[in-house]
Amino acid sequence: MPHRTNPPTRSTRIPRNEPRRHVVAQLAGAYFKYHFGTNAWHHRDGGPFTKKEQAAALAPTTDEVEEAREQIDRYHAYLQTWLEAPEALDRFLAPFMEQLPEKSFGNAIDIMNLDERAELQRLVNAAAEPVRPFTPYAF
């Protein structure tokens, strides 16, 4: 009878080079505040970090700092798209309106192909929805 070995167990520890999600979320959603002679990290809502959160924020890995920066950059790109959406929608619709003897939104949609309709929908959604607040791992 062959000798059976136990399958390897999965370690619950995250590999050293994998960013810890909670640390990335803290870094991306925090700000440093000097308050009456104390240096402290705070959440965006103004609440201070716990001692454990403060310790994690002060000792991130390079990968965690990079991931937090990338998340913040993606959020800034989202904000830029949101801010520019009304003008982008106008620029997108202009060539269609120029082609039409009777200018209306419905008539413009009628002459669009599927890809153009998808882009129109994206622009309308971006222009119509309220801006979303920063949330780690959402952008």
N, C-alpha and C. Protein backbone atom coordinates (compact mmCIF):
# COMPACT_ATOMS: atom_id res chain seq x y z
N MET A 1 0.85 -1.17 0.00
CA MET A 1 0.00 0.00 0.00
C MET A 1 0.90 1.24 0.00
N PRO A 2 0.67 2.17 -0.94
CA PRO A 2 1.52 3.37 -1.00
C PRO A 2 1.31 4.24 0.23
N HIS A 3 2.38 4.90 0.57
CA HIS A 3 2.34 5.82 1.72
C HIS A 3 1.64 7.10 1.31
N ARG A 4 0.63 7.51 2.06
CA ARG A 4 -0.12 8.74 1.76
C ARG A 4 0.44 9.87 2.62
N THR A 5 0.63 10.97 1.99
CA THR A 5 1.07 12.14 2.75
C THR A 5 -0.09 13.11 2.83
N ASN A 6 -0.10 13.89 3.84
CA ASN A 6 -1.14 14.92 3.98
C ASN A 6 -0.89 16.02 2.96
N PRO A 7 -1.97 16.53 2.38
CA PRO A 7 -1.77 17.64 1.45
C PRO A 7 -1.20 18.84 2.18
N PRO A 8 -0.45 19.64 1.47
CA PRO A 8 0.11 20.83 2.14
C PRO A 8 -1.02 21.72 2.65
N THR A 9 -0.81 22.28 3.79
CA THR A 9 -1.81 23.19 4.35
C THR A 9 -1.54 24.58 3.83
N ARG A 10 -2.60 25.32 3.67
CA ARG A 10 -2.47 26.70 3.22
C ARG A 10 -2.16 27.58 4.41
N SER A 11 -1.21 28.38 4.25
CA SER A 11 -0.84 29.31 5.31
C SER A 11 -1.86 30.44 5.34
N THR A 12 -2.21 30.88 6.51
CA THR A 12 -3.13 32.01 6.62
C THR A 12 -2.38 33.33 6.52
N ARG A 13 -1.09 33.25 6.51
CA ARG A 13 -0.30 34.48 6.38
C ARG A 13 -0.24 34.91 4.93
N ILE A 14 -0.32 36.19 4.71
CA ILE A 14 -0.23 36.74 3.36
C ILE A 14 1.25 36.82 3.00
N PRO A 15 1.61 36.42 1.76
CA PRO A 15 3.01 36.52 1.37
C PRO A 15 3.52 37.94 1.55
N ARG A 16 4.75 38.08 1.86
CA ARG A 16 5.36 39.38 2.18
C ARG A 16 5.20 40.39 1.05
N ASN A 17 5.25 39.91 -0.22
CA ASN A 17 5.17 40.86 -1.33
C ASN A 17 3.74 41.19 -1.73
N GLU A 18 2.75 40.58 -1.13
CA GLU A 18 1.34 40.87 -1.42
C GLU A 18 0.87 42.00 -0.49
N PRO A 19 0.36 43.09 -1.07
CA PRO A 19 -0.10 44.19 -0.21
C PRO A 19 -1.25 43.74 0.70
N ARG A 20 -1.21 44.17 1.93
CA ARG A 20 -2.30 43.89 2.87
C ARG A 20 -3.41 44.89 2.57
N ARG A 21 -4.60 44.36 2.26
CA ARG A 21 -5.72 45.20 1.83
C ARG A 21 -6.08 46.25 2.88
N HIS A 22 -6.07 45.87 4.15
CA HIS A 22 -6.48 46.83 5.18
C HIS A 22 -5.47 47.97 5.31
N VAL A 23 -4.19 47.68 5.07
CA VAL A 23 -3.18 48.74 5.13
C VAL A 23 -3.33 49.67 3.93
N VAL A 24 -3.54 49.09 2.75
CA VAL A 24 -3.74 49.90 1.54
C VAL A 24 -4.97 50.80 1.72
N ALA A 25 -6.04 50.23 2.25
CA ALA A 25 -7.26 51.01 2.47
C ALA A 25 -7.01 52.15 3.45
N GLN A 26 -6.24 51.88 4.48
CA GLN A 26 -5.93 52.94 5.45
C GLN A 26 -5.09 54.04 4.80
N LEU A 27 -4.07 53.64 4.05
CA LEU A 27 -3.21 54.64 3.41
C LEU A 27 -3.98 55.47 2.38
N ALA A 28 -4.79 54.81 1.60
CA ALA A 28 -5.52 55.51 0.54
C ALA A 28 -6.65 56.37 1.09
N GLY A 29 -7.18 56.01 2.24
CA GLY A 29 -8.31 56.74 2.78
C GLY A 29 -7.99 57.55 4.01
N ALA A 30 -6.74 57.99 4.13
CA ALA A 30 -6.33 58.69 5.34
C ALA A 30 -5.64 60.00 5.00
N TYR A 31 -5.48 60.79 6.02
CA TYR A 31 -4.65 61.97 5.89
C TYR A 31 -3.90 62.17 7.20
N PHE A 32 -2.74 62.82 7.08
CA PHE A 32 -1.91 63.07 8.25
C PHE A 32 -2.29 64.44 8.79
N LYS A 33 -2.37 64.53 10.09
CA LYS A 33 -2.84 65.77 10.71
C LYS A 33 -1.94 66.12 11.89
N TYR A 34 -1.51 67.36 11.93
CA TYR A 34 -0.78 67.87 13.08
C TYR A 34 -1.81 68.56 13.96
N HIS A 35 -1.97 68.08 15.16
CA HIS A 35 -3.02 68.61 16.02
C HIS A 35 -2.48 68.84 17.44
N PHE A 36 -2.34 70.08 17.82
CA PHE A 36 -1.93 70.46 19.17
C PHE A 36 -0.71 69.68 19.65
N GLY A 37 0.34 69.69 18.83
CA GLY A 37 1.59 69.07 19.24
C GLY A 37 1.66 67.57 19.05
N THR A 38 0.64 66.95 18.48
CA THR A 38 0.70 65.51 18.23
C THR A 38 0.55 65.26 16.74
N ASN A 39 1.28 64.29 16.26
CA ASN A 39 1.18 63.89 14.86
C ASN A 39 0.31 62.65 14.81
N ALA A 40 -0.72 62.67 14.01
CA ALA A 40 -1.63 61.52 13.97
C ALA A 40 -2.24 61.36 12.59
N TRP A 41 -2.54 60.12 12.26
CA TRP A 41 -3.26 59.81 11.04
C TRP A 41 -4.74 59.82 11.36
N HIS A 42 -5.52 60.28 10.41
CA HIS A 42 -6.97 60.34 10.57
C HIS A 42 -7.66 59.75 9.35
N HIS A 43 -8.85 59.22 9.53
CA HIS A 43 -9.68 58.77 8.43
C HIS A 43 -10.25 60.00 7.74
N ARG A 44 -10.70 59.83 6.51
CA ARG A 44 -11.25 60.96 5.75
C ARG A 44 -12.46 61.59 6.45
N ASP A 45 -13.16 60.80 7.27
CA ASP A 45 -14.31 61.36 7.99
C ASP A 45 -13.88 62.16 9.22
N GLY A 46 -12.56 62.22 9.48
CA GLY A 46 -12.04 63.02 10.59
C GLY A 46 -11.70 62.23 11.83
N GLY A 47 -12.18 61.02 11.94
CA GLY A 47 -11.89 60.21 13.13
C GLY A 47 -10.44 59.76 13.14
N PRO A 48 -9.82 59.74 14.31
CA PRO A 48 -8.41 59.35 14.40
C PRO A 48 -8.23 57.84 14.22
N PHE A 49 -7.05 57.45 13.76
CA PHE A 49 -6.71 56.04 13.68
C PHE A 49 -6.56 55.47 15.08
N THR A 50 -6.86 54.20 15.22
CA THR A 50 -6.55 53.51 16.47
C THR A 50 -5.04 53.33 16.52
N LYS A 51 -4.51 52.91 17.65
CA LYS A 51 -3.07 52.68 17.75
C LYS A 51 -2.61 51.61 16.77
N LYS A 52 -3.42 50.58 16.58
CA LYS A 52 -3.08 49.51 15.63
C LYS A 52 -3.08 50.05 14.20
N GLU A 53 -4.07 50.86 13.85
CA GLU A 53 -4.12 51.46 12.52
C GLU A 53 -2.95 52.40 12.31
N GLN A 54 -2.62 53.17 13.32
CA GLN A 54 -1.49 54.11 13.23
C GLN A 54 -0.18 53.34 12.99
N ALA A 55 0.00 52.24 13.71
CA ALA A 55 1.22 51.44 13.54
C ALA A 55 1.30 50.88 12.12
N ALA A 56 0.19 50.41 11.58
CA ALA A 56 0.19 49.88 10.21
C ALA A 56 0.46 50.98 9.19
N ALA A 57 -0.08 52.16 9.40
CA ALA A 57 0.12 53.27 8.48
C ALA A 57 1.56 53.77 8.49
N LEU A 58 2.23 53.61 9.60
CA LEU A 58 3.61 54.09 9.71
C LEU A 58 4.63 53.06 9.24
N ALA A 59 4.20 51.84 8.93
CA ALA A 59 5.15 50.80 8.52
C ALA A 59 4.64 50.01 7.31
N PRO A 60 4.22 50.69 6.25
CA PRO A 60 3.74 49.95 5.08
C PRO A 60 4.90 49.41 4.26
N THR A 61 4.61 48.39 3.46
CA THR A 61 5.61 47.90 2.51
C THR A 61 5.60 48.81 1.29
N THR A 62 6.62 48.69 0.49
CA THR A 62 6.68 49.46 -0.75
C THR A 62 5.49 49.12 -1.65
N ASP A 63 5.12 47.84 -1.70
CA ASP A 63 3.97 47.42 -2.52
C ASP A 63 2.68 48.05 -2.01
N GLU A 64 2.54 48.17 -0.72
CA GLU A 64 1.32 48.78 -0.15
C GLU A 64 1.24 50.26 -0.47
N VAL A 65 2.34 50.95 -0.40
CA VAL A 65 2.36 52.38 -0.75
C VAL A 65 2.03 52.55 -2.23
N GLU A 66 2.63 51.70 -3.07
CA GLU A 66 2.37 51.77 -4.51
C GLU A 66 0.90 51.46 -4.82
N GLU A 67 0.34 50.45 -4.20
CA GLU A 67 -1.07 50.11 -4.43
C GLU A 67 -1.98 51.25 -3.98
N ALA A 68 -1.69 51.86 -2.85
CA ALA A 68 -2.50 52.99 -2.37
C ALA A 68 -2.42 54.15 -3.36
N ARG A 69 -1.21 54.42 -3.86
CA ARG A 69 -1.04 55.49 -4.84
C ARG A 69 -1.85 55.20 -6.11
N GLU A 70 -1.81 53.94 -6.57
CA GLU A 70 -2.57 53.57 -7.76
C GLU A 70 -4.07 53.73 -7.54
N GLN A 71 -4.54 53.37 -6.36
CA GLN A 71 -5.97 53.53 -6.06
C GLN A 71 -6.37 55.00 -6.07
N ILE A 72 -5.55 55.82 -5.46
CA ILE A 72 -5.83 57.26 -5.44
C ILE A 72 -5.80 57.83 -6.86
N ASP A 73 -4.82 57.38 -7.67
CA ASP A 73 -4.75 57.84 -9.06
C ASP A 73 -6.00 57.45 -9.85
N ARG A 74 -6.49 56.22 -9.63
CA ARG A 74 -7.71 55.78 -10.33
C ARG A 74 -8.90 56.63 -9.90
N TYR A 75 -8.96 56.99 -8.63
CA TYR A 75 -10.06 57.83 -8.17
C TYR A 75 -9.97 59.22 -8.79
N HIS A 76 -8.76 59.77 -8.87
CA HIS A 76 -8.60 61.08 -9.50
C HIS A 76 -8.99 61.03 -10.98
N ALA A 77 -8.67 59.93 -11.66
CA ALA A 77 -9.09 59.77 -13.06
C ALA A 77 -10.62 59.72 -13.15
N TYR A 78 -11.25 59.01 -12.22
CA TYR A 78 -12.72 58.97 -12.18
C TYR A 78 -13.29 60.38 -11.98
N LEU A 79 -12.72 61.13 -11.03
CA LEU A 79 -13.20 62.50 -10.79
C LEU A 79 -13.04 63.37 -12.03
N GLN A 80 -11.91 63.23 -12.71
CA GLN A 80 -11.67 64.03 -13.92
C GLN A 80 -12.70 63.69 -14.98
N THR A 81 -12.99 62.41 -15.17
CA THR A 81 -14.01 61.99 -16.13
C THR A 81 -15.37 62.56 -15.74
N TRP A 82 -15.70 62.50 -14.47
CA TRP A 82 -16.98 63.03 -13.99
C TRP A 82 -17.09 64.53 -14.24
N LEU A 83 -16.02 65.26 -13.96
CA LEU A 83 -16.04 66.71 -14.15
C LEU A 83 -16.17 67.09 -15.63
N GLU A 84 -15.56 66.31 -16.50
CA GLU A 84 -15.54 66.63 -17.93
C GLU A 84 -16.73 66.05 -18.69
N ALA A 85 -17.54 65.22 -18.04
CA ALA A 85 -18.61 64.50 -18.74
C ALA A 85 -19.61 65.41 -19.48
N PRO A 86 -20.09 66.49 -18.87
CA PRO A 86 -21.06 67.32 -19.63
C PRO A 86 -20.49 67.88 -20.93
N GLU A 87 -19.26 68.37 -20.89
CA GLU A 87 -18.65 68.91 -22.11
C GLU A 87 -18.33 67.79 -23.09
N ALA A 88 -17.88 66.64 -22.58
CA ALA A 88 -17.60 65.50 -23.46
C ALA A 88 -18.87 65.02 -24.16
N LEU A 89 -19.98 65.05 -23.46
CA LEU A 89 -21.26 64.67 -24.06
C LEU A 89 -21.64 65.64 -25.18
N ASP A 90 -21.47 66.91 -24.93
CA ASP A 90 -21.75 67.91 -25.97
C ASP A 90 -20.86 67.69 -27.21
N ARG A 91 -19.56 67.46 -26.97
CA ARG A 91 -18.63 67.24 -28.09
C ARG A 91 -18.99 65.97 -28.85
N PHE A 92 -19.41 64.95 -28.14
CA PHE A 92 -19.77 63.68 -28.77
C PHE A 92 -21.02 63.83 -29.65
N LEU A 93 -22.01 64.56 -29.14
CA LEU A 93 -23.28 64.70 -29.87
C LEU A 93 -23.21 65.66 -31.06
N ALA A 94 -22.29 66.62 -31.04
CA ALA A 94 -22.23 67.66 -32.07
C ALA A 94 -22.19 67.12 -33.49
N PRO A 95 -21.33 66.16 -33.83
CA PRO A 95 -21.30 65.67 -35.21
C PRO A 95 -22.61 65.01 -35.65
N PHE A 96 -23.29 64.37 -34.74
CA PHE A 96 -24.58 63.74 -35.08
C PHE A 96 -25.64 64.81 -35.33
N MET A 97 -25.66 65.82 -34.48
CA MET A 97 -26.64 66.89 -34.64
C MET A 97 -26.45 67.65 -35.95
N GLU A 98 -25.18 67.80 -36.37
CA GLU A 98 -24.89 68.51 -37.62
C GLU A 98 -25.47 67.77 -38.83
N GLN A 99 -25.59 66.44 -38.73
CA GLN A 99 -26.10 65.63 -39.84
C GLN A 99 -27.62 65.68 -39.97
N LEU A 100 -28.29 66.17 -38.95
CA LEU A 100 -29.75 66.06 -38.89
C LEU A 100 -30.46 67.33 -39.33
N PRO A 101 -31.48 67.21 -40.20
CA PRO A 101 -32.28 68.39 -40.53
C PRO A 101 -33.17 68.79 -39.35
N GLU A 102 -33.70 67.79 -38.63
CA GLU A 102 -34.49 68.05 -37.42
C GLU A 102 -33.68 67.56 -36.22
N LYS A 103 -33.12 68.50 -35.50
CA LYS A 103 -32.19 68.17 -34.42
C LYS A 103 -32.93 67.77 -33.15
N SER A 104 -32.74 66.52 -32.76
CA SER A 104 -33.28 66.05 -31.49
C SER A 104 -32.41 64.90 -31.00
N PHE A 105 -32.46 64.69 -29.72
CA PHE A 105 -31.67 63.62 -29.10
C PHE A 105 -32.07 62.26 -29.70
N GLY A 106 -33.37 62.03 -29.82
CA GLY A 106 -33.86 60.77 -30.39
C GLY A 106 -33.39 60.54 -31.80
N ASN A 107 -33.42 61.59 -32.63
CA ASN A 107 -32.95 61.46 -34.00
C ASN A 107 -31.45 61.17 -34.05
N ALA A 108 -30.70 61.77 -33.14
CA ALA A 108 -29.25 61.51 -33.08
C ALA A 108 -29.00 60.04 -32.74
N ILE A 109 -29.75 59.50 -31.81
CA ILE A 109 -29.59 58.09 -31.43
C ILE A 109 -29.90 57.18 -32.61
N ASP A 110 -30.89 57.55 -33.40
CA ASP A 110 -31.29 56.73 -34.54
C ASP A 110 -30.17 56.54 -35.56
N ILE A 111 -29.27 57.50 -35.69
CA ILE A 111 -28.20 57.37 -36.70
C ILE A 111 -26.89 56.83 -36.11
N MET A 112 -26.89 56.47 -34.83
CA MET A 112 -25.69 55.92 -34.18
C MET A 112 -25.62 54.41 -34.37
N ASN A 113 -24.38 53.90 -34.45
CA ASN A 113 -24.18 52.45 -34.45
C ASN A 113 -24.13 51.97 -32.99
N LEU A 114 -23.99 50.68 -32.78
CA LEU A 114 -24.00 50.12 -31.42
C LEU A 114 -22.87 50.67 -30.55
N ASP A 115 -21.68 50.78 -31.11
CA ASP A 115 -20.55 51.31 -30.33
C ASP A 115 -20.79 52.77 -29.93
N GLU A 116 -21.33 53.54 -30.85
CA GLU A 116 -21.62 54.95 -30.55
C GLU A 116 -22.71 55.06 -29.49
N ARG A 117 -23.70 54.19 -29.55
CA ARG A 117 -24.74 54.20 -28.52
C ARG A 117 -24.18 53.82 -27.15
N ALA A 118 -23.26 52.88 -27.14
CA ALA A 118 -22.63 52.49 -25.88
C ALA A 118 -21.84 53.66 -25.30
N GLU A 119 -21.12 54.37 -26.15
CA GLU A 119 -20.36 55.54 -25.69
C GLU A 119 -21.30 56.64 -25.21
N LEU A 120 -22.40 56.85 -25.92
CA LEU A 120 -23.40 57.82 -25.48
C LEU A 120 -23.91 57.45 -24.09
N GLN A 121 -24.23 56.19 -23.89
CA GLN A 121 -24.74 55.75 -22.59
C GLN A 121 -23.71 55.99 -21.49
N ARG A 122 -22.44 55.70 -21.78
CA ARG A 122 -21.37 55.93 -20.80
C ARG A 122 -21.29 57.40 -20.43
N LEU A 123 -21.35 58.27 -21.43
CA LEU A 123 -21.26 59.71 -21.18
C LEU A 123 -22.48 60.23 -20.43
N VAL A 124 -23.66 59.77 -20.81
CA VAL A 124 -24.88 60.20 -20.10
C VAL A 124 -24.81 59.76 -18.64
N ASN A 125 -24.39 58.51 -18.40
CA ASN A 125 -24.26 58.02 -17.02
C ASN A 125 -23.26 58.86 -16.23
N ALA A 126 -22.14 59.17 -16.85
CA ALA A 126 -21.11 59.95 -16.16
C ALA A 126 -21.61 61.36 -15.84
N ALA A 127 -22.38 61.93 -16.75
CA ALA A 127 -22.88 63.30 -16.54
C ALA A 127 -24.04 63.34 -15.55
N ALA A 128 -24.81 62.27 -15.48
CA ALA A 128 -26.04 62.29 -14.67
C ALA A 128 -25.85 61.81 -13.24
N GLU A 129 -24.93 60.91 -13.02
CA GLU A 129 -24.82 60.36 -11.67
C GLU A 129 -24.02 61.29 -10.76
N PRO A 130 -24.39 61.34 -9.49
CA PRO A 130 -23.63 62.19 -8.56
C PRO A 130 -22.25 61.58 -8.34
N VAL A 131 -21.32 62.44 -8.01
CA VAL A 131 -19.95 61.97 -7.78
C VAL A 131 -19.93 61.03 -6.57
N ARG A 132 -19.18 59.95 -6.70
CA ARG A 132 -19.06 58.98 -5.61
C ARG A 132 -17.85 59.33 -4.77
N PRO A 133 -17.95 59.15 -3.47
CA PRO A 133 -16.78 59.42 -2.62
C PRO A 133 -15.72 58.34 -2.80
N PHE A 134 -14.51 58.65 -2.42
CA PHE A 134 -13.44 57.67 -2.52
C PHE A 134 -13.74 56.50 -1.60
N THR A 135 -13.58 55.31 -2.13
CA THR A 135 -13.72 54.07 -1.37
C THR A 135 -12.63 53.15 -1.83
N PRO A 136 -11.79 52.64 -0.94
CA PRO A 136 -10.71 51.75 -1.36
C PRO A 136 -11.25 50.54 -2.13
N TYR A 137 -10.51 50.15 -3.15
CA TYR A 137 -10.80 48.99 -4.00
C TYR A 137 -12.10 49.13 -4.78
N ALA A 138 -12.62 50.33 -4.93
CA ALA A 138 -13.84 50.53 -5.71
C ALA A 138 -13.55 51.12 -7.09
N PHE A 139 -12.37 51.66 -7.29
CA PHE A 139 -12.06 52.32 -8.57
C PHE A 139 -10.91 51.65 -9.26
